[in-house]
C-alpha cells in the first residue's frame, strides 16, 4: 500500500516578497546613514539604495519617518545588546555597587567600540533633534533609573553626585570611541585604536570609580 504523500505547506510568495522588500528598505536606511550621514536620510536616497519604487515607502511604512523608526528600533544596539548585559550584571549581584558599575561601564565601552550602528546613532543623537531618537533616549533613561536608585543610598549625606560623574564618564566613552573610529589618532597621547589604548582607558574608568567610592569614606 502506498503511503499517502504529506501535503507540503506552501508559503505565500507575495508575503515572502513583501518581507524581503521591507527588510531591504530597512537595511538601506543604515547604508545611507553610514555613507551620507543623517542629512542624507530622505525617501529618494533610501529607495535608490534599496532598489525599490519610492511608492513602496507609503505602501509598507506609511511615511519615511516610520521607515527610519523601524530601522532605529531594529538596530538599537543599546537596548537589544547592552541593556540585557546590564540587567544580567545587576541580577547576579547581591549588592549593586562599585564593581558592578565598573563592569557596566566596561561593557558599554566594548559595545560602542564594536557596533557601527550604535556609533551612528550616537553621532546622530548629538547632531540634531529627532523625535524618534528622543524616544529611544527616554527608554534608556528609564532602564537605568533602578540602577541609580540602588546606589543613591551609598552617597546619601555626601557631596558626591554619582549620577553627574557617571554622565561625564559615559559621554567620554562615547566620544573616545567615535574619535577612534573616525580619525584613529591618539587622544591625550593614548592610542585608542590599539589594545593597549583600550586597556588604559578601561583601567582609568575602574580607578575613577574606585576613587569616587573611597572619597565617601
N, C-alpha and C. Protein backbone atom coordinates (compact mmCIF):
# COMPACT_ATOMS: atom_id res chain seq x y z
N UNK A 1 0.85 -1.20 0.00
CA UNK A 1 0.00 0.00 0.00
C UNK A 1 0.88 1.25 0.00
N UNK A 2 0.62 2.12 -0.91
CA UNK A 2 1.43 3.32 -1.00
C UNK A 2 1.10 4.28 0.13
N UNK A 3 2.16 4.83 0.68
CA UNK A 3 1.94 5.81 1.74
C UNK A 3 1.43 7.11 1.14
N UNK A 4 0.51 7.69 1.86
CA UNK A 4 -0.01 8.96 1.38
C UNK A 4 1.07 10.02 1.50
N UNK A 5 1.21 10.78 0.47
CA UNK A 5 2.18 11.86 0.49
C UNK A 5 1.70 12.98 1.41
N UNK A 6 2.64 13.44 2.25
CA UNK A 6 2.28 14.55 3.14
C UNK A 6 2.12 15.82 2.33
N UNK A 7 1.08 16.53 2.64
CA UNK A 7 0.82 17.77 1.92
C UNK A 7 1.85 18.81 2.32
N UNK A 8 2.54 19.34 1.37
CA UNK A 8 3.57 20.35 1.64
C UNK A 8 2.92 21.71 1.87
N UNK A 9 3.46 22.36 2.89
CA UNK A 9 2.95 23.69 3.19
C UNK A 9 3.61 24.69 2.25
N UNK A 10 2.81 25.35 1.49
CA UNK A 10 3.34 26.31 0.52
C UNK A 10 3.20 27.72 1.07
N UNK A 11 4.34 28.38 1.22
CA UNK A 11 4.32 29.75 1.72
C UNK A 11 3.89 30.70 0.62
N UNK A 12 3.20 31.69 1.00
CA UNK A 12 2.71 32.67 0.03
C UNK A 12 3.85 33.48 -0.53
N UNK A 13 4.00 33.46 -1.85
CA UNK A 13 5.08 34.22 -2.48
C UNK A 13 5.02 35.69 -2.22
N UNK A 14 3.86 36.34 -2.42
CA UNK A 14 3.76 37.78 -2.18
C UNK A 14 4.12 38.18 -0.76
N UNK A 15 3.76 37.36 0.22
CA UNK A 15 4.08 37.68 1.62
C UNK A 15 5.58 37.64 1.84
N UNK A 16 6.23 36.57 1.30
CA UNK A 16 7.68 36.46 1.43
C UNK A 16 8.36 37.63 0.73
N UNK A 17 7.89 37.96 -0.48
CA UNK A 17 8.49 39.06 -1.23
C UNK A 17 8.34 40.38 -0.48
N UNK A 18 7.18 40.58 0.11
CA UNK A 18 6.95 41.81 0.86
C UNK A 18 7.92 41.91 2.03
N UNK A 19 8.09 40.79 2.72
CA UNK A 19 9.01 40.80 3.87
C UNK A 19 10.43 41.11 3.45
N UNK A 20 10.87 40.51 2.35
CA UNK A 20 12.23 40.77 1.85
C UNK A 20 12.40 42.23 1.43
N UNK A 21 11.39 42.75 0.75
CA UNK A 21 11.46 44.14 0.29
C UNK A 21 11.51 45.10 1.46
N UNK A 22 10.68 44.86 2.48
CA UNK A 22 10.69 45.72 3.66
C UNK A 22 12.05 45.69 4.34
N UNK A 23 12.64 44.49 4.44
CA UNK A 23 13.96 44.38 5.08
C UNK A 23 15.02 45.10 4.27
N UNK A 24 14.93 45.01 2.93
CA UNK A 24 15.87 45.73 2.08
C UNK A 24 15.78 47.24 2.33
N UNK A 25 14.57 47.72 2.51
CA UNK A 25 14.37 49.15 2.74
C UNK A 25 14.92 49.56 4.12
N UNK A 26 14.69 48.71 5.12
CA UNK A 26 15.22 48.99 6.46
C UNK A 26 16.75 48.99 6.43
N UNK A 27 17.32 47.99 5.75
CA UNK A 27 18.79 47.92 5.64
C UNK A 27 19.34 49.13 4.90
N UNK A 28 18.59 49.60 3.91
CA UNK A 28 19.03 50.75 3.11
C UNK A 28 19.17 52.00 3.97
N UNK A 29 18.31 52.14 4.98
CA UNK A 29 18.42 53.29 5.88
C UNK A 29 19.80 53.30 6.54
N UNK A 30 20.24 52.13 7.01
CA UNK A 30 21.55 52.05 7.64
C UNK A 30 22.69 52.35 6.69
N UNK A 31 22.55 51.90 5.45
CA UNK A 31 23.60 52.15 4.45
C UNK A 31 23.70 53.65 4.14
N UNK A 32 22.55 54.28 3.96
CA UNK A 32 22.55 55.73 3.69
C UNK A 32 23.12 56.49 4.88
N UNK A 33 22.75 56.08 6.08
CA UNK A 33 23.25 56.73 7.29
C UNK A 33 24.77 56.63 7.37
N UNK A 34 25.30 55.47 6.99
CA UNK A 34 26.75 55.26 7.02
C UNK A 34 27.46 56.07 5.95
N UNK A 35 26.89 56.10 4.73
CA UNK A 35 27.57 56.72 3.61
C UNK A 35 27.35 58.23 3.52
N UNK A 36 26.15 58.70 3.92
CA UNK A 36 25.82 60.11 3.73
C UNK A 36 25.49 60.84 5.02
N UNK A 37 25.40 60.10 6.12
CA UNK A 37 25.04 60.74 7.38
C UNK A 37 23.54 60.94 7.49
N UNK A 38 23.12 61.44 8.65
CA UNK A 38 21.68 61.59 8.89
C UNK A 38 21.02 62.58 7.94
N UNK A 39 21.80 63.54 7.40
CA UNK A 39 21.22 64.51 6.47
C UNK A 39 20.83 63.87 5.15
N UNK A 40 21.35 62.69 4.86
CA UNK A 40 21.02 62.01 3.61
C UNK A 40 19.82 61.10 3.71
N UNK A 41 19.21 61.06 4.89
CA UNK A 41 18.07 60.16 5.09
C UNK A 41 16.79 60.76 4.52
N UNK A 42 16.62 60.61 3.25
CA UNK A 42 15.37 61.04 2.60
C UNK A 42 14.86 59.90 1.73
N UNK A 43 13.64 60.02 1.28
CA UNK A 43 12.99 58.94 0.56
C UNK A 43 13.72 58.59 -0.74
N UNK A 44 14.27 59.60 -1.41
CA UNK A 44 14.96 59.35 -2.68
C UNK A 44 16.21 58.51 -2.47
N UNK A 45 17.04 58.89 -1.50
CA UNK A 45 18.29 58.17 -1.25
C UNK A 45 18.03 56.75 -0.74
N UNK A 46 17.06 56.62 0.15
CA UNK A 46 16.79 55.31 0.76
C UNK A 46 16.27 54.32 -0.28
N UNK A 47 15.29 54.76 -1.08
CA UNK A 47 14.71 53.84 -2.07
C UNK A 47 15.69 53.54 -3.20
N UNK A 48 16.54 54.51 -3.53
CA UNK A 48 17.56 54.27 -4.55
C UNK A 48 18.54 53.20 -4.08
N UNK A 49 18.95 53.30 -2.81
CA UNK A 49 19.88 52.33 -2.26
C UNK A 49 19.24 50.95 -2.14
N UNK A 50 17.94 50.92 -1.83
CA UNK A 50 17.23 49.65 -1.71
C UNK A 50 16.87 49.07 -3.07
N UNK A 51 16.86 49.94 -4.10
CA UNK A 51 16.49 49.49 -5.43
C UNK A 51 15.01 49.20 -5.58
N UNK A 52 14.19 50.04 -4.93
CA UNK A 52 12.74 49.83 -4.98
C UNK A 52 12.05 51.12 -5.38
N UNK A 53 10.80 51.00 -5.78
CA UNK A 53 9.98 52.16 -6.13
C UNK A 53 9.68 52.96 -4.87
N UNK A 54 9.81 54.27 -4.93
CA UNK A 54 9.61 55.09 -3.76
C UNK A 54 8.18 55.02 -3.23
N UNK A 55 7.23 54.61 -4.07
CA UNK A 55 5.85 54.48 -3.61
C UNK A 55 5.69 53.38 -2.56
N UNK A 56 6.65 52.45 -2.53
CA UNK A 56 6.57 51.36 -1.55
C UNK A 56 6.78 51.85 -0.12
N UNK A 57 7.38 53.02 0.04
CA UNK A 57 7.55 53.57 1.39
C UNK A 57 6.19 53.80 2.02
N UNK A 58 5.30 54.47 1.28
CA UNK A 58 3.96 54.73 1.81
C UNK A 58 3.13 53.45 1.89
N UNK A 59 3.36 52.53 0.96
CA UNK A 59 2.60 51.28 0.96
C UNK A 59 2.92 50.42 2.18
N UNK A 60 4.21 50.31 2.51
CA UNK A 60 4.64 49.40 3.57
C UNK A 60 4.83 50.08 4.93
N UNK A 61 5.20 51.38 4.92
CA UNK A 61 5.54 52.04 6.18
C UNK A 61 4.70 53.29 6.47
N UNK A 62 4.00 53.79 5.48
CA UNK A 62 3.20 54.99 5.68
C UNK A 62 3.97 56.24 5.36
N UNK A 63 5.08 56.45 6.07
CA UNK A 63 5.94 57.62 5.84
C UNK A 63 7.40 57.21 5.95
N UNK A 64 8.26 58.06 5.44
CA UNK A 64 9.70 57.78 5.55
C UNK A 64 10.15 57.84 7.00
N UNK A 65 9.50 58.67 7.82
CA UNK A 65 9.84 58.72 9.25
C UNK A 65 9.54 57.39 9.93
N UNK A 66 8.44 56.76 9.53
CA UNK A 66 8.10 55.45 10.09
C UNK A 66 9.13 54.40 9.69
N UNK A 67 9.61 54.51 8.46
CA UNK A 67 10.65 53.59 7.98
C UNK A 67 11.92 53.78 8.80
N UNK A 68 12.30 55.02 9.02
CA UNK A 68 13.50 55.31 9.82
C UNK A 68 13.33 54.81 11.24
N UNK A 69 12.13 54.98 11.79
CA UNK A 69 11.86 54.49 13.15
C UNK A 69 12.01 52.97 13.22
N UNK A 70 11.57 52.29 12.18
CA UNK A 70 11.71 50.83 12.13
C UNK A 70 13.17 50.43 12.15
N UNK A 71 13.99 51.18 11.41
CA UNK A 71 15.43 50.93 11.42
C UNK A 71 16.00 51.15 12.82
N UNK A 72 15.64 52.26 13.45
CA UNK A 72 16.16 52.57 14.77
C UNK A 72 15.79 51.49 15.78
N UNK A 73 14.56 51.04 15.73
CA UNK A 73 14.11 50.01 16.67
C UNK A 73 14.82 48.68 16.45
N UNK A 74 15.07 48.36 15.19
CA UNK A 74 15.71 47.08 14.88
C UNK A 74 17.22 47.11 15.10
N UNK A 75 17.80 48.31 15.10
CA UNK A 75 19.25 48.43 15.23
C UNK A 75 19.68 49.08 16.54
N UNK A 76 18.74 49.28 17.45
CA UNK A 76 19.13 49.93 18.70
C UNK A 76 19.97 48.98 19.53
N UNK A 77 21.26 49.00 19.26
CA UNK A 77 22.20 48.08 19.89
C UNK A 77 22.19 48.22 21.41
N UNK A 78 21.97 49.44 21.88
CA UNK A 78 21.97 49.67 23.33
C UNK A 78 20.88 48.87 24.00
N UNK A 79 19.66 48.95 23.45
CA UNK A 79 18.54 48.26 24.08
C UNK A 79 18.58 46.75 23.85
N UNK A 80 19.04 46.32 22.67
CA UNK A 80 18.99 44.90 22.34
C UNK A 80 20.19 44.12 22.86
N UNK A 81 21.35 44.78 22.97
CA UNK A 81 22.58 44.08 23.37
C UNK A 81 23.12 44.55 24.72
N UNK A 82 23.23 45.85 24.89
CA UNK A 82 23.82 46.38 26.12
C UNK A 82 22.89 46.19 27.31
N UNK A 83 21.62 46.56 27.13
CA UNK A 83 20.67 46.51 28.23
C UNK A 83 20.56 45.12 28.87
N UNK A 84 20.45 44.04 28.08
CA UNK A 84 20.41 42.72 28.71
C UNK A 84 21.65 42.39 29.52
N UNK A 85 22.82 42.83 29.05
CA UNK A 85 24.05 42.58 29.80
C UNK A 85 24.06 43.36 31.11
N UNK A 86 23.57 44.59 31.05
CA UNK A 86 23.48 45.41 32.26
C UNK A 86 22.53 44.76 33.27
N UNK A 87 21.40 44.28 32.76
CA UNK A 87 20.42 43.63 33.62
C UNK A 87 21.00 42.37 34.26
N UNK A 88 21.76 41.62 33.48
CA UNK A 88 22.37 40.39 33.99
C UNK A 88 23.37 40.69 35.11
N UNK A 89 24.17 41.72 34.93
CA UNK A 89 25.13 42.12 35.96
C UNK A 89 24.41 42.48 37.25
N UNK A 90 23.34 43.25 37.11
CA UNK A 90 22.58 43.69 38.29
C UNK A 90 21.92 42.51 39.00
N UNK A 91 21.36 41.58 38.23
CA UNK A 91 20.63 40.45 38.83
C UNK A 91 21.55 39.47 39.54
N UNK A 92 22.79 39.35 39.06
CA UNK A 92 23.73 38.40 39.65
C UNK A 92 24.41 38.95 40.90
N UNK A 93 24.20 40.20 41.20
CA UNK A 93 24.88 40.83 42.33
C UNK A 93 23.94 40.94 43.53
N UNK A 94 24.46 40.53 44.68
CA UNK A 94 23.67 40.67 45.90
C UNK A 94 23.52 42.14 46.26
N UNK A 95 24.57 42.91 45.99
CA UNK A 95 24.54 44.35 46.27
C UNK A 95 25.10 45.08 45.06
N UNK A 96 24.37 46.05 44.59
CA UNK A 96 24.81 46.80 43.42
C UNK A 96 25.70 47.95 43.88
N UNK A 97 26.95 47.94 43.42
CA UNK A 97 27.87 48.97 43.88
C UNK A 97 29.04 49.17 42.95
N UNK A 98 30.21 49.41 43.52
CA UNK A 98 31.40 49.80 42.76
C UNK A 98 31.76 48.81 41.65
N UNK A 99 31.87 47.52 41.98
CA UNK A 99 32.30 46.53 40.99
C UNK A 99 31.31 46.42 39.84
N UNK A 100 30.02 46.49 40.17
CA UNK A 100 29.00 46.36 39.14
C UNK A 100 29.01 47.57 38.20
N UNK A 101 29.24 48.75 38.75
CA UNK A 101 29.31 49.96 37.92
C UNK A 101 30.47 49.86 36.94
N UNK A 102 31.62 49.38 37.41
CA UNK A 102 32.79 49.22 36.54
C UNK A 102 32.48 48.23 35.42
N UNK A 103 31.86 47.11 35.77
CA UNK A 103 31.51 46.11 34.75
C UNK A 103 30.59 46.69 33.69
N UNK A 104 29.62 47.47 34.12
CA UNK A 104 28.67 48.07 33.17
C UNK A 104 29.37 49.07 32.27
N UNK A 105 30.23 49.91 32.83
CA UNK A 105 30.95 50.89 32.01
C UNK A 105 31.89 50.21 31.02
N UNK A 106 32.54 49.13 31.45
CA UNK A 106 33.40 48.38 30.54
C UNK A 106 32.58 47.72 29.44
N UNK A 107 31.41 47.20 29.80
CA UNK A 107 30.51 46.60 28.81
C UNK A 107 30.06 47.63 27.79
N UNK A 108 29.74 48.82 28.28
CA UNK A 108 29.32 49.90 27.38
C UNK A 108 30.45 50.28 26.44
N UNK A 109 31.67 50.38 26.98
CA UNK A 109 32.82 50.74 26.14
C UNK A 109 32.99 49.72 25.01
N UNK A 110 32.96 48.44 25.36
CA UNK A 110 33.12 47.39 24.35
C UNK A 110 32.00 47.44 23.32
N UNK A 111 30.79 47.70 23.77
CA UNK A 111 29.64 47.71 22.87
C UNK A 111 29.72 48.85 21.86
N UNK A 112 30.10 50.03 22.33
CA UNK A 112 30.23 51.16 21.41
C UNK A 112 31.37 50.92 20.43
N UNK A 113 32.45 50.33 20.93
CA UNK A 113 33.61 50.06 20.08
C UNK A 113 33.27 49.06 18.98
N UNK A 114 32.41 48.09 19.29
CA UNK A 114 32.13 47.00 18.36
C UNK A 114 31.00 47.31 17.37
N UNK A 115 30.07 48.17 17.76
CA UNK A 115 28.86 48.35 16.96
C UNK A 115 28.89 49.63 16.13
N UNK A 116 28.98 49.48 14.82
CA UNK A 116 28.93 50.63 13.92
C UNK A 116 27.55 51.29 14.01
N UNK A 117 26.50 50.48 14.13
CA UNK A 117 25.15 51.03 14.23
C UNK A 117 25.01 51.93 15.46
N UNK A 118 25.55 51.49 16.59
CA UNK A 118 25.46 52.29 17.81
C UNK A 118 26.26 53.58 17.66
N UNK A 119 27.40 53.51 17.00
CA UNK A 119 28.21 54.71 16.76
C UNK A 119 27.43 55.72 15.91
N UNK A 120 26.74 55.23 14.88
CA UNK A 120 25.96 56.12 14.02
C UNK A 120 24.86 56.80 14.82
N UNK A 121 24.20 56.03 15.67
CA UNK A 121 23.09 56.60 16.45
C UNK A 121 23.57 57.65 17.44
N UNK A 122 24.72 57.39 18.05
CA UNK A 122 25.28 58.37 18.99
C UNK A 122 25.58 59.67 18.26
N UNK A 123 26.21 59.55 17.10
CA UNK A 123 26.54 60.73 16.31
C UNK A 123 25.29 61.48 15.91
N UNK A 124 24.27 60.75 15.53
CA UNK A 124 23.02 61.35 15.11
C UNK A 124 22.32 62.04 16.29
N UNK A 125 22.31 61.37 17.44
CA UNK A 125 21.56 61.91 18.58
C UNK A 125 22.16 63.21 19.11
N UNK A 126 23.46 63.45 18.86
CA UNK A 126 24.06 64.70 19.33
C UNK A 126 24.14 65.75 18.23
N UNK A 127 23.68 65.39 17.02
CA UNK A 127 23.79 66.30 15.89
C UNK A 127 22.52 67.08 15.60
N UNK A 128 21.39 66.50 15.91
CA UNK A 128 20.13 67.19 15.62
C UNK A 128 19.01 66.58 16.47
N UNK A 129 17.94 67.35 16.62
CA UNK A 129 16.77 66.81 17.32
C UNK A 129 15.97 65.93 16.39
N UNK A 130 15.59 64.77 16.90
CA UNK A 130 14.71 63.88 16.16
C UNK A 130 13.80 63.20 17.17
N UNK A 131 12.48 63.27 17.00
CA UNK A 131 11.57 62.71 17.99
C UNK A 131 11.75 61.21 18.18
N UNK A 132 12.14 60.49 17.13
CA UNK A 132 12.34 59.05 17.25
C UNK A 132 13.55 58.75 18.13
N UNK A 133 14.62 59.51 17.92
CA UNK A 133 15.81 59.34 18.74
C UNK A 133 15.50 59.70 20.19
N UNK A 134 14.76 60.77 20.38
CA UNK A 134 14.40 61.19 21.74
C UNK A 134 13.64 60.10 22.49
N UNK A 135 12.76 59.41 21.79
CA UNK A 135 12.01 58.31 22.40
C UNK A 135 12.93 57.19 22.86
N UNK A 136 13.91 56.86 22.01
CA UNK A 136 14.87 55.82 22.37
C UNK A 136 15.70 56.24 23.59
N UNK A 137 16.10 57.51 23.62
CA UNK A 137 16.89 58.00 24.75
C UNK A 137 16.09 57.96 26.05
N UNK A 138 14.81 58.27 25.96
CA UNK A 138 13.95 58.21 27.14
C UNK A 138 13.82 56.78 27.65
N UNK A 139 13.76 55.83 26.73
CA UNK A 139 13.67 54.42 27.12
C UNK A 139 14.95 53.99 27.84
N UNK A 140 16.08 54.46 27.36
CA UNK A 140 17.35 54.12 28.01
C UNK A 140 17.42 54.72 29.41
N UNK A 141 16.93 55.94 29.56
CA UNK A 141 16.93 56.59 30.87
C UNK A 141 16.08 55.80 31.88
N UNK A 142 14.92 55.34 31.42
CA UNK A 142 14.04 54.57 32.30
C UNK A 142 14.69 53.26 32.72
N UNK A 143 15.44 52.67 31.80
CA UNK A 143 16.11 51.41 32.10
C UNK A 143 17.17 51.61 33.18
N UNK A 144 17.87 52.73 33.14
CA UNK A 144 18.95 52.97 34.08
C UNK A 144 18.51 53.47 35.44
N UNK A 145 17.30 53.96 35.55
CA UNK A 145 16.85 54.56 36.80
C UNK A 145 16.92 53.61 38.00
N UNK A 146 16.47 52.36 37.89
CA UNK A 146 16.58 51.46 39.05
C UNK A 146 18.01 51.24 39.53
N UNK A 147 18.96 51.28 38.58
CA UNK A 147 20.36 51.10 38.95
C UNK A 147 20.87 52.31 39.72
N UNK A 148 20.46 53.50 39.30
CA UNK A 148 20.84 54.70 40.05
C UNK A 148 20.22 54.70 41.43
N UNK A 149 18.98 54.29 41.50
CA UNK A 149 18.31 54.25 42.80
C UNK A 149 19.01 53.30 43.77
N UNK A 150 19.61 52.23 43.22
CA UNK A 150 20.31 51.27 44.06
C UNK A 150 21.58 51.84 44.67
N UNK A 151 22.14 52.88 44.04
CA UNK A 151 23.38 53.47 44.55
C UNK A 151 23.16 54.79 45.28
N UNK A 152 21.96 55.33 45.23
CA UNK A 152 21.70 56.62 45.89
C UNK A 152 22.03 56.58 47.38
N UNK A 153 21.69 55.46 48.03
CA UNK A 153 21.93 55.36 49.47
C UNK A 153 23.42 55.36 49.81
N UNK A 154 24.25 54.90 48.87
CA UNK A 154 25.70 54.85 49.12
C UNK A 154 26.29 56.24 49.28
N UNK A 155 25.64 57.23 48.70
CA UNK A 155 26.20 58.58 48.72
C UNK A 155 25.29 59.58 49.42
N UNK A 156 24.37 59.06 50.20
CA UNK A 156 23.49 59.93 50.97
C UNK A 156 24.32 60.73 51.98
N UNK A 157 23.99 62.00 52.12
CA UNK A 157 24.68 62.90 53.06
C UNK A 157 26.15 63.12 52.70
N UNK A 158 26.48 62.96 51.42
CA UNK A 158 27.82 63.31 50.93
C UNK A 158 27.65 64.35 49.83
N UNK A 159 28.78 64.95 49.43
CA UNK A 159 28.71 65.94 48.36
C UNK A 159 29.05 65.31 47.00
N UNK A 160 29.01 63.98 46.93
CA UNK A 160 29.34 63.27 45.70
C UNK A 160 28.08 63.05 44.86
N UNK A 161 28.08 63.58 43.66
CA UNK A 161 26.95 63.43 42.73
C UNK A 161 27.31 62.32 41.74
N UNK A 162 27.02 61.09 42.13
CA UNK A 162 27.43 59.95 41.30
C UNK A 162 26.81 60.00 39.91
N UNK A 163 25.56 60.41 39.82
CA UNK A 163 24.89 60.44 38.52
C UNK A 163 25.60 61.39 37.55
N UNK A 164 25.96 62.55 38.03
CA UNK A 164 26.66 63.51 37.17
C UNK A 164 28.04 63.00 36.78
N UNK A 165 28.71 62.34 37.73
CA UNK A 165 30.04 61.81 37.44
C UNK A 165 29.97 60.69 36.40
N UNK A 166 28.95 59.85 36.50
CA UNK A 166 28.78 58.79 35.51
C UNK A 166 28.40 59.37 34.15
N UNK A 167 27.65 60.46 34.17
CA UNK A 167 27.28 61.11 32.90
C UNK A 167 28.54 61.56 32.17
N UNK A 168 29.50 62.11 32.91
CA UNK A 168 30.75 62.55 32.30
C UNK A 168 31.53 61.35 31.76
N UNK A 169 31.55 60.26 32.52
CA UNK A 169 32.28 59.07 32.07
C UNK A 169 31.64 58.44 30.82
N UNK A 170 30.32 58.33 30.83
CA UNK A 170 29.64 57.73 29.68
C UNK A 170 29.82 58.59 28.44
N UNK A 171 29.73 59.91 28.61
CA UNK A 171 29.95 60.81 27.48
C UNK A 171 31.38 60.64 26.94
N UNK A 172 32.33 60.46 27.86
CA UNK A 172 33.72 60.23 27.46
C UNK A 172 33.87 58.94 26.68
N UNK A 173 33.18 57.90 27.11
CA UNK A 173 33.21 56.62 26.40
C UNK A 173 32.69 56.79 24.98
N UNK A 174 31.58 57.52 24.85
CA UNK A 174 31.02 57.76 23.52
C UNK A 174 32.03 58.51 22.64
N UNK A 175 32.55 59.61 23.15
CA UNK A 175 33.41 60.46 22.34
C UNK A 175 34.70 59.76 21.94
N UNK A 176 35.34 59.09 22.89
CA UNK A 176 36.61 58.44 22.60
C UNK A 176 36.45 57.39 21.51
N UNK A 177 35.36 56.64 21.57
CA UNK A 177 35.14 55.62 20.54
C UNK A 177 34.84 56.23 19.19
N UNK A 178 34.06 57.32 19.18
CA UNK A 178 33.76 57.97 17.91
C UNK A 178 35.01 58.55 17.27
N UNK A 179 35.88 59.14 18.08
CA UNK A 179 37.12 59.69 17.52
C UNK A 179 38.03 58.59 17.01
N UNK A 180 38.11 57.49 17.77
CA UNK A 180 38.97 56.38 17.36
C UNK A 180 38.54 55.81 16.01
N UNK A 181 37.21 55.76 15.78
CA UNK A 181 36.71 55.20 14.53
C UNK A 181 36.82 56.17 13.37
N UNK A 182 36.69 57.46 13.65
CA UNK A 182 36.67 58.43 12.56
C UNK A 182 38.06 58.92 12.16
N UNK A 183 38.94 59.10 13.15
CA UNK A 183 40.25 59.68 12.85
C UNK A 183 41.43 58.78 13.22
N UNK A 184 41.19 57.87 14.16
CA UNK A 184 42.23 56.92 14.57
C UNK A 184 43.54 57.62 14.94
N UNK A 185 43.43 58.66 15.73
CA UNK A 185 44.62 59.35 16.23
C UNK A 185 44.58 59.30 17.76
N UNK A 186 45.74 59.50 18.36
CA UNK A 186 45.83 59.46 19.81
C UNK A 186 45.05 60.61 20.44
N UNK A 187 44.54 60.38 21.63
CA UNK A 187 43.83 61.41 22.39
C UNK A 187 44.50 61.49 23.75
N UNK A 188 45.06 62.67 24.05
CA UNK A 188 45.88 62.83 25.28
C UNK A 188 47.00 61.79 25.31
N UNK A 189 47.57 61.53 24.14
CA UNK A 189 48.68 60.60 23.97
C UNK A 189 48.28 59.14 24.24
N UNK A 190 47.00 58.86 24.26
CA UNK A 190 46.52 57.48 24.39
C UNK A 190 46.04 57.03 23.01
N UNK A 191 46.67 55.99 22.49
CA UNK A 191 46.30 55.49 21.16
C UNK A 191 45.07 54.61 21.29
N UNK A 192 43.92 55.17 20.96
CA UNK A 192 42.66 54.49 21.20
C UNK A 192 42.42 53.34 20.25
N UNK A 193 43.14 53.30 19.15
CA UNK A 193 42.93 52.25 18.16
C UNK A 193 43.71 50.98 18.43
N UNK A 194 44.30 50.85 19.62
CA UNK A 194 45.10 49.68 19.96
C UNK A 194 44.54 49.00 21.20
N UNK A 195 44.92 47.74 21.39
CA UNK A 195 44.51 47.01 22.59
C UNK A 195 45.07 47.67 23.84
N UNK A 196 46.29 48.18 23.72
CA UNK A 196 46.91 48.85 24.87
C UNK A 196 46.13 50.10 25.25
N UNK A 197 45.70 50.86 24.22
CA UNK A 197 44.93 52.06 24.49
C UNK A 197 43.60 51.75 25.16
N UNK A 198 42.93 50.71 24.67
CA UNK A 198 41.66 50.29 25.27
C UNK A 198 41.87 49.88 26.73
N UNK A 199 42.95 49.15 26.98
CA UNK A 199 43.24 48.71 28.35
C UNK A 199 43.48 49.90 29.27
N UNK A 200 44.19 50.90 28.77
CA UNK A 200 44.46 52.09 29.60
C UNK A 200 43.17 52.83 29.95
N UNK A 201 42.28 52.96 28.96
CA UNK A 201 41.01 53.64 29.21
C UNK A 201 40.17 52.86 30.22
N UNK A 202 40.11 51.56 30.07
CA UNK A 202 39.32 50.74 30.99
C UNK A 202 39.90 50.79 32.41
N UNK A 203 41.22 50.77 32.51
CA UNK A 203 41.85 50.89 33.82
C UNK A 203 41.53 52.23 34.45
N UNK A 204 41.51 53.28 33.63
CA UNK A 204 41.20 54.62 34.14
C UNK A 204 39.75 54.68 34.63
N UNK A 205 38.84 54.06 33.90
CA UNK A 205 37.43 54.02 34.31
C UNK A 205 37.30 53.36 35.68
N UNK A 206 37.95 52.21 35.84
CA UNK A 206 37.89 51.48 37.11
C UNK A 206 38.50 52.30 38.24
N UNK A 207 39.61 52.95 37.97
CA UNK A 207 40.28 53.75 39.00
C UNK A 207 39.42 54.94 39.43
N UNK A 208 38.76 55.59 38.48
CA UNK A 208 37.90 56.73 38.82
C UNK A 208 36.73 56.31 39.70
N UNK A 209 36.12 55.16 39.39
CA UNK A 209 35.02 54.68 40.23
C UNK A 209 35.54 54.31 41.62
N UNK A 210 36.72 53.72 41.67
CA UNK A 210 37.33 53.40 42.97
C UNK A 210 37.56 54.65 43.80
N UNK A 211 38.08 55.69 43.16
CA UNK A 211 38.34 56.95 43.87
C UNK A 211 37.04 57.59 44.36
N UNK A 212 36.00 57.49 43.54
CA UNK A 212 34.70 58.05 43.94
C UNK A 212 34.18 57.35 45.19
N UNK A 213 34.27 56.03 45.20
CA UNK A 213 33.76 55.29 46.36
C UNK A 213 34.64 55.49 47.59
N UNK A 214 35.94 55.60 47.37
CA UNK A 214 36.84 55.85 48.51
C UNK A 214 36.63 57.23 49.11
N UNK A 215 36.25 58.17 48.28
CA UNK A 215 36.06 59.54 48.73
C UNK A 215 34.90 59.68 49.72
N UNK A 216 33.93 58.80 49.64
CA UNK A 216 32.77 58.90 50.52
C UNK A 216 33.06 58.40 51.93
N UNK A 217 34.19 57.70 52.10
CA UNK A 217 34.50 57.12 53.40
C UNK A 217 35.11 58.16 54.35
